[in-house]
PDB file of N, CA and C in Angstrom:
ATOM      1  N   MET A   1       3.854  -0.763 -11.379  1.00  0.00           N
ATOM      2  CA  MET A   1       2.895  -1.756 -10.576  1.00  0.00           C
ATOM      3  C   MET A   1       1.691  -1.938 -11.552  1.00  0.00           C
ATOM      4  N   LYS A   2       1.419  -3.084 -11.214  1.00  0.00           N
ATOM      5  CA  LYS A   2       0.254  -3.653 -11.870  1.00  0.00           C
ATOM      6  C   LYS A   2      -1.203  -3.466 -11.325  1.00  0.00           C
ATOM      7  N   GLN A   3      -1.990  -2.895 -12.104  1.00  0.00           N
ATOM      8  CA  GLN A   3      -3.214  -2.353 -11.869  1.00  0.00           C
ATOM      9  C   GLN A   3      -4.221  -3.475 -12.053  1.00  0.00           C
ATOM     10  N   LEU A   4      -4.780  -4.045 -10.799  1.00  0.00           N
ATOM     11  CA  LEU A   4      -5.639  -5.225 -10.888  1.00  0.00           C
ATOM     12  C   LEU A   4      -7.094  -4.869 -10.696  1.00  0.00           C
ATOM     13  N   MET A   5      -7.339  -3.534 -10.356  1.00  0.00           N
ATOM     14  CA  MET A   5      -8.910  -3.103 -10.068  1.00  0.00           C
ATOM     15  C   MET A   5      -8.796  -1.548 -10.125  1.00  0.00           C
ATOM     16  N   SER A   6      -9.784  -0.953 -10.676  1.00  0.00           N
ATOM     17  CA  SER A   6      -9.883   0.440 -10.604  1.00  0.00           C
ATOM     18  C   SER A   6      -9.542   1.188  -9.153  1.00  0.00           C
ATOM     19  N   ILE A   7      -9.097   2.240  -9.050  1.00  0.00           N
ATOM     20  CA  ILE A   7      -8.906   3.127  -7.830  1.00  0.00           C
ATOM     21  C   ILE A   7     -10.347   3.240  -6.994  1.00  0.00           C
ATOM     22  N   SER A   8     -11.332   3.510  -7.825  1.00  0.00           N
ATOM     23  CA  SER A   8     -12.764   3.668  -7.014  1.00  0.00           C
ATOM     24  C   SER A   8     -12.997   2.198  -6.617  1.00  0.00           C
ATOM     25  N   ARG A   9     -13.045   1.179  -7.301  1.00  0.00           N
ATOM     26  CA  ARG A   9     -13.384   0.045  -6.862  1.00  0.00           C
ATOM     27  C   ARG A   9     -12.516  -0.459  -5.770  1.00  0.00           C
ATOM     28  N   ALA A  10     -11.233  -0.406  -5.648  1.00  0.00           N
ATOM     29  CA  ALA A  10     -10.494  -0.680  -4.589  1.00  0.00           C
ATOM     30  C   ALA A  10     -10.616   0.078  -3.503  1.00  0.00           C
ATOM     31  N   MET A  11     -10.957   1.405  -3.442  1.00  0.00           N
ATOM     32  CA  MET A  11     -11.321   2.208  -2.183  1.00  0.00           C
ATOM     33  C   MET A  11     -12.558   1.797  -1.697  1.00  0.00           C
ATOM     34  N   ASP A  12     -13.616   1.315  -2.710  1.00  0.00           N
ATOM     35  CA  ASP A  12     -14.994   1.112  -1.943  1.00  0.00           C
ATOM     36  C   ASP A  12     -15.019  -0.386  -1.449  1.00  0.00           C
ATOM     37  N   ALA A  13     -14.156  -1.120  -1.899  1.00  0.00           N
ATOM     38  CA  ALA A  13     -14.048  -2.469  -1.663  1.00  0.00           C
ATOM     39  C   ALA A  13     -13.791  -2.855  -0.024  1.00  0.00           C
ATOM     40  N   PRO A  14     -14.423  -3.708   0.656  1.00  0.00           N
ATOM     41  CA  PRO A  14     -13.918  -4.044   2.016  1.00  0.00           C
ATOM     42  C   PRO A  14     -12.388  -4.256   2.180  1.00  0.00           C
ATOM     43  N   SER A  15     -11.874  -3.697   3.117  1.00  0.00           N
ATOM     44  CA  SER A  15     -10.389  -3.601   3.407  1.00  0.00           C
ATOM     45  C   SER A  15     -10.022  -4.321   4.830  1.00  0.00           C
ATOM     46  N   GLN A  16      -8.531  -4.639   4.835  1.00  0.00           N
ATOM     47  CA  GLN A  16      -8.246  -5.065   6.220  1.00  0.00           C
ATOM     48  C   GLN A  16      -6.710  -4.683   6.221  1.00  0.00           C
ATOM     49  N   LEU A  17      -6.233  -4.382   7.461  1.00  0.00           N
ATOM     50  CA  LEU A  17      -4.723  -4.013   7.633  1.00  0.00           C
ATOM     51  C   LEU A  17      -4.064  -5.385   7.481  1.00  0.00           C
ATOM     52  N   CYS A  18      -2.725  -5.270   6.934  1.00  0.00           N
ATOM     53  CA  CYS A  18      -1.855  -6.274   6.727  1.00  0.00           C
ATOM     54  C   CYS A  18      -0.566  -5.880   6.815  1.00  0.00           C
ATOM     55  N   LEU A  19       0.312  -6.736   7.561  1.00  0.00           N
ATOM     56  CA  LEU A  19       1.684  -6.394   7.697  1.00  0.00           C
ATOM     57  C   LEU A  19       2.575  -6.406   6.621  1.00  0.00           C
ATOM     58  N   LEU A  20       3.062  -5.235   6.566  1.00  0.00           N
ATOM     59  CA  LEU A  20       3.877  -4.740   5.408  1.00  0.00           C
ATOM     60  C   LEU A  20       4.570  -5.932   4.844  1.00  0.00           C
ATOM     61  N   GLU A  21       5.379  -6.654   5.570  1.00  0.00           N
ATOM     62  CA  GLU A  21       6.086  -7.989   5.085  1.00  0.00           C
ATOM     63  C   GLU A  21       5.202  -8.912   4.395  1.00  0.00           C
ATOM     64  N   GLU A  22       3.797  -9.058   4.830  1.00  0.00           N
ATOM     65  CA  GLU A  22       2.904  -9.948   4.477  1.00  0.00           C
ATOM     66  C   GLU A  22       2.128  -9.555   3.207  1.00  0.00           C
ATOM     67  N   SER A  23       2.326  -8.330   2.808  1.00  0.00           N
ATOM     68  CA  SER A  23       1.410  -7.678   1.981  1.00  0.00           C
ATOM     69  C   SER A  23       1.796  -8.016   0.294  1.00  0.00           C
ATOM     70  N   ALA A  24       2.840  -8.481  -0.049  1.00  0.00           N
ATOM     71  CA  ALA A  24       2.994  -8.914  -1.504  1.00  0.00           C
ATOM     72  C   ALA A  24       2.155  -9.761  -1.983  1.00  0.00           C
ATOM     73  N   GLY A  25       1.830  -9.098  -3.134  1.00  0.00           N
ATOM     74  CA  GLY A  25       0.475 -10.043  -3.892  1.00  0.00           C
ATOM     75  C   GLY A  25      -0.811  -9.500  -3.630  1.00  0.00           C
ATOM     76  N   LYS A  26      -0.866  -8.725  -2.512  1.00  0.00           N
ATOM     77  CA  LYS A  26      -2.151  -8.357  -2.184  1.00  0.00           C
ATOM     78  C   LYS A  26      -2.534  -7.084  -2.947  1.00  0.00           C
ATOM     79  N   ILE A  27      -3.758  -6.508  -2.865  1.00  0.00           N
ATOM     80  CA  ILE A  27      -4.006  -5.339  -3.780  1.00  0.00           C
ATOM     81  C   ILE A  27      -4.323  -4.052  -2.853  1.00  0.00           C
ATOM     82  N   ALA A  28      -3.661  -3.060  -3.156  1.00  0.00           N
ATOM     83  CA  ALA A  28      -3.652  -1.996  -2.019  1.00  0.00           C
ATOM     84  C   ALA A  28      -5.066  -1.163  -2.171  1.00  0.00           C
ATOM     85  N   ALA A  29      -5.618  -0.877  -0.870  1.00  0.00           N
ATOM     86  CA  ALA A  29      -6.878  -0.383  -0.729  1.00  0.00           C
ATOM     87  C   ALA A  29      -6.818   1.205  -0.429  1.00  0.00           C
ATOM     88  N   GLU A  30      -5.440   1.462  -0.279  1.00  0.00           N
ATOM     89  CA  GLU A  30      -5.159   3.161   0.119  1.00  0.00           C
ATOM     90  C   GLU A  30      -4.154   3.590  -0.681  1.00  0.00           C
ATOM     91  N   PHE A  31      -4.049   4.963  -0.941  1.00  0.00           N
ATOM     92  CA  PHE A  31      -2.735   5.640  -1.637  1.00  0.00           C
ATOM     93  C   PHE A  31      -1.353   5.429  -0.528  1.00  0.00           C
ATOM     94  N   VAL A  32      -0.234   5.178  -0.803  1.00  0.00           N
ATOM     95  CA  VAL A  32       1.099   5.322  -0.013  1.00  0.00           C
ATOM     96  C   VAL A  32       1.677   6.396  -0.718  1.00  0.00           C
ATOM     97  N   TYR A  33       2.236   7.553  -0.190  1.00  0.00           N
ATOM     98  CA  TYR A  33       2.942   8.578  -0.883  1.00  0.00           C
ATOM     99  C   TYR A  33       4.173   9.001   0.060  1.00  0.00           C
ATOM    100  N   LEU A  34       5.030   9.292  -0.592  1.00  0.00           N
ATOM    101  CA  LEU A  34       6.051  10.165   0.122  1.00  0.00           C
ATOM    102  C   LEU A  34       5.881  11.822  -0.045  1.00  0.00           C
ATOM    103  N   TYR A  35       5.995  12.406   1.368  1.00  0.00           N
ATOM    104  CA  TYR A  35       5.756  13.671   1.294  1.00  0.00           C
ATOM    105  C   TYR A  35       6.867  14.364   2.105  1.00  0.00           C
ATOM    106  N   PRO A  36       7.369  15.521   1.582  1.00  0.00           N
ATOM    107  CA  PRO A  36       7.256  16.072   0.244  1.00  0.00           C
ATOM    108  C   PRO A  36       7.805  14.993  -0.771  1.00  0.00           C
ATOM    109  N   PRO A  37       7.485  15.129  -2.088  1.00  0.00           N
ATOM    110  CA  PRO A  37       6.486  16.045  -2.746  1.00  0.00           C
ATOM    111  C   PRO A  37       5.146  15.476  -2.708  1.00  0.00           C
ATOM    112  N   GLY A  38       4.796  14.452  -2.340  1.00  0.00           N
ATOM    113  CA  GLY A  38       3.185  14.195  -2.359  1.00  0.00           C
ATOM    114  C   GLY A  38       2.921  13.228  -3.555  1.00  0.00           C
ATOM    115  N   ILE A  39       3.960  12.549  -4.061  1.00  0.00           N
ATOM    116  CA  ILE A  39       3.678  11.750  -5.303  1.00  0.00           C
ATOM    117  C   ILE A  39       3.498  10.322  -4.705  1.00  0.00           C
ATOM    118  N   PRO A  40       2.326   9.673  -5.220  1.00  0.00           N
ATOM    119  CA  PRO A  40       2.052   8.444  -4.856  1.00  0.00           C
ATOM    120  C   PRO A  40       3.302   7.321  -5.316  1.00  0.00           C
ATOM    121  N   ILE A  41       3.472   6.416  -4.375  1.00  0.00           N
ATOM    122  CA  ILE A  41       4.223   5.280  -4.753  1.00  0.00           C
ATOM    123  C   ILE A  41       3.495   3.923  -5.057  1.00  0.00           C
ATOM    124  N   ILE A  42       2.386   4.196  -4.581  1.00  0.00           N
ATOM    125  CA  ILE A  42       1.310   2.990  -4.816  1.00  0.00           C
ATOM    126  C   ILE A  42      -0.220   3.533  -4.860  1.00  0.00           C
ATOM    127  N   VAL A  43      -1.054   3.331  -5.678  1.00  0.00           N
ATOM    128  CA  VAL A  43      -2.442   3.674  -5.492  1.00  0.00           C
ATOM    129  C   VAL A  43      -3.373   2.497  -5.428  1.00  0.00           C
ATOM    130  N   PRO A  44      -4.679   2.922  -4.968  1.00  0.00           N
ATOM    131  CA  PRO A  44      -5.540   1.777  -4.764  1.00  0.00           C
ATOM    132  C   PRO A  44      -5.681   0.857  -5.968  1.00  0.00           C
ATOM    133  N   GLY A  45      -5.953  -0.269  -5.998  1.00  0.00           N
ATOM    134  CA  GLY A  45      -5.980  -1.199  -7.237  1.00  0.00           C
ATOM    135  C   GLY A  45      -4.736  -1.661  -7.582  1.00  0.00           C
ATOM    136  N   GLU A  46      -3.610  -1.284  -7.208  1.00  0.00           N
ATOM    137  CA  GLU A  46      -2.117  -1.929  -7.732  1.00  0.00           C
ATOM    138  C   GLU A  46      -1.885  -3.012  -6.821  1.00  0.00           C
ATOM    139  N   GLN A  47      -1.354  -3.892  -7.440  1.00  0.00           N
ATOM    140  CA  GLN A  47      -0.890  -5.064  -6.591  1.00  0.00           C
ATOM    141  C   GLN A  47       0.494  -4.720  -5.834  1.00  0.00           C
ATOM    142  N   ILE A  48       0.641  -5.088  -4.760  1.00  0.00           N
ATOM    143  CA  ILE A  48       1.896  -4.763  -3.752  1.00  0.00           C
ATOM    144  C   ILE A  48       2.875  -5.882  -4.398  1.00  0.00           C
ATOM    145  N   THR A  49       4.132  -5.250  -4.419  1.00  0.00           N
ATOM    146  CA  THR A  49       5.133  -6.146  -4.838  1.00  0.00           C
ATOM    147  C   THR A  49       6.174  -6.109  -3.591  1.00  0.00           C
ATOM    148  N   GLY A  50       7.245  -7.225  -3.756  1.00  0.00           N
ATOM    149  CA  GLY A  50       8.284  -7.384  -2.794  1.00  0.00           C
ATOM    150  C   GLY A  50       9.116  -6.207  -2.897  1.00  0.00           C
ATOM    151  N   LEU A  51       9.339  -5.591  -4.180  1.00  0.00           N
ATOM    152  CA  LEU A  51      10.133  -4.406  -4.601  1.00  0.00           C
ATOM    153  C   LEU A  51       9.562  -3.219  -3.752  1.00  0.00           C
ATOM    154  N   PHE A  52       8.115  -2.916  -3.837  1.00  0.00           N
ATOM    155  CA  PHE A  52       7.620  -1.931  -3.168  1.00  0.00           C
ATOM    156  C   PHE A  52       7.806  -2.039  -1.718  1.00  0.00           C
ATOM    157  N   THR A  53       7.686  -3.196  -0.980  1.00  0.00           N
ATOM    158  CA  THR A  53       7.764  -3.255   0.522  1.00  0.00           C
ATOM    159  C   THR A  53       9.365  -3.085   0.760  1.00  0.00           C
ATOM    160  N   ARG A  54      10.377  -3.552   0.067  1.00  0.00           N
ATOM    161  CA  ARG A  54      11.720  -3.088   0.356  1.00  0.00           C
ATOM    162  C   ARG A  54      11.972  -1.708   0.149  1.00  0.00           C
ATOM    163  N   ASN A  55      11.500  -1.134  -0.970  1.00  0.00           N
ATOM    164  CA  ASN A  55      11.733   0.431  -1.168  1.00  0.00           C
ATOM    165  C   ASN A  55      11.107   0.978   0.095  1.00  0.00           C
ATOM    166  N   VAL A  56       9.693   0.662   0.536  1.00  0.00           N
ATOM    167  CA  VAL A  56       9.225   1.455   1.698  1.00  0.00           C
ATOM    168  C   VAL A  56      10.103   1.249   3.001  1.00  0.00           C
ATOM    169  N   ARG A  57      10.621   0.240   3.220  1.00  0.00           N
ATOM    170  CA  ARG A  57      11.682  -0.036   4.396  1.00  0.00           C
ATOM    171  C   ARG A  57      12.865   0.857   4.151  1.00  0.00           C
ATOM    172  N   ARG A  58      13.398   1.086   3.003  1.00  0.00           N
ATOM    173  CA  ARG A  58      14.638   1.715   2.681  1.00  0.00           C
ATOM    174  C   ARG A  58      14.172   3.344   2.911  1.00  0.00           C
ATOM    175  N   TYR A  59      13.103   3.692   2.483  1.00  0.00           N
ATOM    176  CA  TYR A  59      12.679   5.100   2.704  1.00  0.00           C
ATOM    177  C   TYR A  59      12.408   5.326   4.352  1.00  0.00           C
ATOM    178  N   MET A  60      12.002   4.315   5.000  1.00  0.00           N
ATOM    179  CA  MET A  60      11.876   4.466   6.262  1.00  0.00           C
ATOM    180  C   MET A  60      13.236   4.792   6.879  1.00  0.00           C
ATOM    181  N   GLU A  61      14.227   3.823   6.637  1.00  0.00           N
ATOM    182  CA  GLU A  61      15.531   3.817   7.090  1.00  0.00           C
ATOM    183  C   GLU A  61      16.134   5.388   6.638  1.00  0.00           C
ATOM    184  N   GLN A  62      15.832   5.772   5.786  1.00  0.00           N
ATOM    185  CA  GLN A  62      16.454   7.033   5.363  1.00  0.00           C
ATOM    186  C   GLN A  62      15.683   8.241   5.992  1.00  0.00           C
ATOM    187  N   GLY A  63      14.671   7.920   6.533  1.00  0.00           N
ATOM    188  CA  GLY A  63      13.943   8.976   7.332  1.00  0.00           C
ATOM    189  C   GLY A  63      13.012   9.871   6.557  1.00  0.00           C
ATOM    190  N   LEU A  64      12.707   9.198   5.420  1.00  0.00           N
ATOM    191  CA  LEU A  64      11.792   9.794   4.470  1.00  0.00           C
ATOM    192  C   LEU A  64      10.170   9.907   5.300  1.00  0.00           C
ATOM    193  N   ASN A  65       9.540  10.804   4.960  1.00  0.00           N
ATOM    194  CA  ASN A  65       8.070  11.078   5.405  1.00  0.00           C
ATOM    195  C   ASN A  65       7.100  10.177   4.564  1.00  0.00           C
ATOM    196  N   LEU A  66       6.696   8.928   5.113  1.00  0.00           N
ATOM    197  CA  LEU A  66       5.746   8.271   4.188  1.00  0.00           C
ATOM    198  C   LEU A  66       4.210   8.462   4.948  1.00  0.00           C
ATOM    199  N   HIS A  67       3.341   8.756   3.993  1.00  0.00           N
ATOM    200  CA  HIS A  67       1.860   8.819   4.431  1.00  0.00           C
ATOM    201  C   HIS A  67       1.122   7.583   3.589  1.00  0.00           C
ATOM    202  N   GLY A  68      -0.020   7.126   4.390  1.00  0.00           N
ATOM    203  CA  GLY A  68      -0.720   6.061   3.936  1.00  0.00           C
ATOM    204  C   GLY A  68      -0.625   4.738   4.601  1.00  0.00           C
ATOM    205  N   LEU A  69       0.583   4.575   5.324  1.00  0.00           N
ATOM    206  CA  LEU A  69       0.638   3.351   5.988  1.00  0.00           C
ATOM    207  C   LEU A  69       0.079   3.489   7.616  1.00  0.00           C
ATOM    208  N   CYS A  70      -0.303   2.347   8.143  1.00  0.00           N
ATOM    209  CA  CYS A  70      -0.778   2.596   9.426  1.00  0.00           C
ATOM    210  C   CYS A  70       0.061   1.943  10.609  1.00  0.00           C
ATOM    211  N   GLY A  71      -0.336   2.188  11.668  1.00  0.00           N
ATOM    212  CA  GLY A  71       0.379   1.628  12.983  1.00  0.00           C
ATOM    213  C   GLY A  71       1.345   2.773  13.408  1.00  0.00           C
ATOM    214  N   GLU A  72       1.861   2.531  14.575  1.00  0.00           N
ATOM    215  CA  GLU A  72       2.775   3.107  15.294  1.00  0.00           C
ATOM    216  C   GLU A  72       4.087   3.328  14.463  1.00  0.00           C
ATOM    217  N   ASN A  73       4.571   2.649  14.024  1.00  0.00           N
ATOM    218  CA  ASN A  73       5.760   2.285  13.122  1.00  0.00           C
ATOM    219  C   ASN A  73       5.672   2.070  11.596  1.00  0.00           C
ATOM    220  N   ASN A  74       4.451   2.600  10.949  1.00  0.00           N
ATOM    221  CA  ASN A  74       4.145   2.161   9.578  1.00  0.00           C
ATOM    222  C   ASN A  74       4.367   0.838   9.184  1.00  0.00           C
ATOM    223  N   GLU A  75       3.926  -0.159  10.078  1.00  0.00           N
ATOM    224  CA  GLU A  75       4.224  -1.547   9.990  1.00  0.00           C
ATOM    225  C   GLU A  75       3.004  -2.168   9.166  1.00  0.00           C
ATOM    226  N   THR A  76       1.784  -1.582   8.996  1.00  0.00           N
ATOM    227  CA  THR A  76       0.850  -2.073   8.328  1.00  0.00           C
ATOM    228  C   THR A  76       0.278  -1.320   6.958  1.00  0.00           C
ATOM    229  N   ILE A  77      -0.388  -2.095   6.330  1.00  0.00           N
ATOM    230  CA  ILE A  77      -0.893  -1.389   4.966  1.00  0.00           C
ATOM    231  C   ILE A  77      -2.243  -1.795   4.771  1.00  0.00           C
ATOM    232  N   SER A  78      -3.065  -1.042   4.410  1.00  0.00           N
ATOM    233  CA  SER A  78      -4.526  -1.388   4.092  1.00  0.00           C
ATOM    234  C   SER A  78      -4.673  -1.944   2.869  1.00  0.00           C
ATOM    235  N   VAL A  79      -5.261  -3.249   2.755  1.00  0.00           N
ATOM    236  CA  VAL A  79      -5.366  -4.163   1.351  1.00  0.00           C
ATOM    237  C   VAL A  79      -6.838  -4.467   1.317  1.00  0.00           C
ATOM    238  N   VAL A  80      -7.253  -4.583   0.084  1.00  0.00           N
ATOM    239  CA  VAL A  80      -8.458  -5.198  -0.231  1.00  0.00           C
ATOM    240  C   VAL A  80      -8.823  -6.708   0.232  1.00  0.00           C
ATOM    241  N   LYS A  81      -9.640  -6.889   0.839  1.00  0.00           N
ATOM    242  CA  LYS A  81     -10.028  -8.093   1.405  1.00  0.00           C
ATOM    243  C   LYS A  81     -10.082  -9.195   0.361  1.00  0.00           C
ATOM    244  N   GLU A  82      -9.336 -10.452   0.521  1.00  0.00           N
ATOM    245  CA  GLU A  82      -9.300 -11.110  -0.458  1.00  0.00           C
ATOM    246  C   GLU A  82     -10.696 -11.885  -1.102  1.00  0.00           C
ATOM    247  N   GLN A  83     -11.658 -12.048  -0.155  1.00  0.00           N
ATOM    248  CA  GLN A  83     -12.870 -12.255  -1.079  1.00  0.00           C
ATOM    249  C   GLN A  83     -13.592 -11.237  -1.813  1.00  0.00           C
ATOM    250  N   ALA A  84     -13.036 -10.039  -1.752  1.00  0.00           N
ATOM    251  CA  ALA A  84     -13.433  -8.855  -2.747  1.00  0.00           C
ATOM    252  C   ALA A  84     -12.636  -8.956  -4.173  1.00  0.00           C
ATOM    253  N   GLU A  85     -11.593  -9.660  -4.064  1.00  0.00           N
ATOM    254  CA  GLU A  85     -10.582  -9.617  -5.087  1.00  0.00           C
ATOM    255  C   GLU A  85     -11.248 -10.527  -6.341  1.00  0.00           C
ATOM    256  N   VAL A  86     -11.387  -9.924  -7.406  1.00  0.00           N
ATOM    257  CA  VAL A  86     -11.977 -10.603  -8.618  1.00  0.00           C
ATOM    258  C   VAL A  86     -10.812 -10.643  -9.705  1.00  0.00           C
TER     259      VAL A  86
END
């Protein structure tokens, strides 16, 4: 993944929820990880890619436990608001 801002800056920046399918190109504002083992698959400040969203969907289809996504069915992800992106 491409780191576009530091983790601390991304976590402190204003954020909003975005549909997973519409998140490619945006900057993650939260950690998303598979548990177990608890290894992040994206960290705040990294650019969300189409590959990331496809992998997340595949993990969900396989019944793996994802943390860091929002919504009843993990359909949204917290992203940095665009005006905060620099």
